[in-house]
Amino acid sequence: MRSLGYAVDIFSSAAEFLASPRLADTACLIADIHMPAMTGLELYRYLIDTGHAIPTILVTAFPNDADQARAANDGAVCYLRKPVDDEHLARCVREALSLDGSES
């Protein structure tokens, strides 16, 4: 993402991201489905429920129809399988930023 010119912050967990001062400034979130303590799906739902509907891309090494349907129903921008195709991820980020209004 940095090589494409985007500012990037990396967090080791959902809790670390939620506690960060960057939460309010985040224009696009890329989260793994399988994280300790709070999954990417749970994080995304929590953000929506607390009024922080950040355009989100979910990635997983273990795709399944239930998670994909839940992500789609909740409005995730993309649900990607690892290893993630760089071009597909870049398209998803551009889509997410256009939803947020952060990119012209």
Protein backbone atom coordinates (compact mmCIF):
# COMPACT_ATOMS: atom_id res chain seq x y z
CA MET A 1 0.00 0.00 0.00
CA ARG A 2 2.87 2.37 0.74
CA SER A 3 4.31 1.70 -2.73
CA LEU A 4 0.99 2.89 -4.16
CA GLY A 5 1.28 6.16 -2.24
CA TYR A 6 -1.09 5.44 0.64
CA ALA A 7 -0.35 6.31 4.26
CA VAL A 8 -0.38 3.08 6.26
CA ASP A 9 -0.64 2.24 9.95
CA ILE A 10 -0.28 -1.33 11.16
CA PHE A 11 -1.85 -2.67 14.34
CA SER A 12 -1.22 -6.02 15.99
CA SER A 13 -4.83 -6.50 17.08
CA ALA A 14 -8.33 -5.12 16.80
CA ALA A 15 -8.03 -3.77 20.35
CA GLU A 16 -4.86 -1.87 19.49
CA PHE A 17 -6.58 -0.31 16.46
CA LEU A 18 -9.69 0.61 18.46
CA ALA A 19 -7.56 2.28 21.14
CA SER A 20 -5.47 4.24 18.64
CA PRO A 21 -5.89 7.93 17.88
CA ARG A 22 -5.95 6.95 14.17
CA LEU A 23 -9.42 5.39 14.40
CA ALA A 24 -11.24 8.60 13.50
CA ASP A 25 -8.88 9.31 10.58
CA THR A 26 -9.00 5.86 8.99
CA ALA A 27 -10.36 6.01 5.44
CA CYS A 28 -9.99 2.29 4.68
CA LEU A 29 -9.44 -0.71 6.91
CA ILE A 30 -7.88 -3.99 5.81
CA ALA A 31 -8.47 -6.66 8.44
CA ASP A 32 -7.82 -10.36 8.66
CA ILE A 33 -10.86 -12.49 9.43
CA HIS A 34 -8.90 -14.66 11.88
CA MET A 35 -7.40 -12.43 14.57
CA PRO A 36 -7.05 -13.20 18.27
CA ALA A 37 -9.73 -11.97 20.68
CA MET A 38 -11.83 -10.17 18.02
CA THR A 39 -12.18 -11.42 14.45
CA GLY A 40 -12.13 -9.10 11.48
CA LEU A 41 -15.86 -9.64 11.05
CA GLU A 42 -16.48 -8.78 14.71
CA LEU A 43 -14.31 -5.67 14.40
CA TYR A 44 -16.16 -4.53 11.30
CA ARG A 45 -19.56 -5.08 12.95
CA TYR A 46 -18.37 -3.26 16.10
CA LEU A 47 -17.25 -0.28 14.01
CA ILE A 48 -20.63 -0.10 12.30
CA ASP A 49 -22.51 -0.43 15.59
CA THR A 50 -20.47 2.37 17.20
CA GLY A 51 -20.88 4.82 14.32
CA HIS A 52 -17.46 4.26 12.70
CA ALA A 53 -18.55 2.73 9.40
CA ILE A 54 -15.07 2.59 7.87
CA PRO A 55 -14.96 1.05 4.38
CA THR A 56 -13.43 -2.35 5.10
CA ILE A 57 -11.64 -5.06 3.16
CA LEU A 58 -11.58 -8.45 4.84
CA VAL A 59 -8.92 -11.04 4.03
CA THR A 60 -8.65 -14.68 5.01
CA ALA A 61 -6.63 -17.78 4.39
CA PHE A 62 -9.69 -19.86 5.30
CA PRO A 63 -12.59 -18.60 3.17
CA ASN A 64 -16.05 -19.96 3.76
CA ASP A 65 -19.49 -19.15 2.45
CA ALA A 66 -20.89 -18.10 5.86
CA ASP A 67 -18.17 -15.50 6.49
CA GLN A 68 -18.36 -14.24 2.92
CA ALA A 69 -22.16 -13.86 3.15
CA ARG A 70 -21.89 -12.09 6.51
CA ALA A 71 -19.23 -9.72 5.13
CA ALA A 72 -21.39 -8.95 2.09
CA ASN A 73 -24.54 -8.47 4.19
CA ASP A 74 -22.70 -6.11 6.54
CA GLY A 75 -21.40 -4.10 3.57
CA ALA A 76 -17.70 -4.98 3.47
CA VAL A 77 -16.06 -3.58 0.34
CA CYS A 78 -14.22 -6.80 -0.49
CA TYR A 79 -13.69 -10.30 0.91
CA LEU A 80 -10.36 -11.58 -0.33
CA ARG A 81 -8.64 -14.94 -0.12
CA LYS A 82 -4.95 -15.19 0.78
CA PRO A 83 -2.61 -15.00 -0.89
CA VAL A 84 -4.12 -11.71 -1.97
CA ASP A 85 -3.64 -10.61 -5.57
CA ASP A 86 -1.98 -7.17 -5.47
CA GLU A 87 -4.04 -5.75 -8.33
CA HIS A 88 -7.31 -6.97 -6.83
CA LEU A 89 -6.38 -5.47 -3.45
CA ALA A 90 -5.48 -2.15 -5.10
CA ARG A 91 -8.88 -2.09 -6.85
CA CYS A 92 -10.62 -2.80 -3.54
CA VAL A 93 -8.71 0.01 -1.81
CA ARG A 94 -9.63 2.46 -4.57
CA GLU A 95 -13.27 1.40 -4.25
CA ALA A 96 -13.15 1.79 -0.46
CA LEU A 97 -11.62 5.25 -0.70
CA SER A 98 -14.21 6.35 -3.25
CA LEU A 99 -16.95 5.27 -0.81
CA ASP A 100 -15.29 7.25 1.98
CA GLY A 101 -14.88 10.29 -0.26
CA SER A 102 -11.12 10.32 0.40
CA GLU A 103 -10.13 9.93 -3.23
CA SER A 104 -11.32 11.88 -6.24
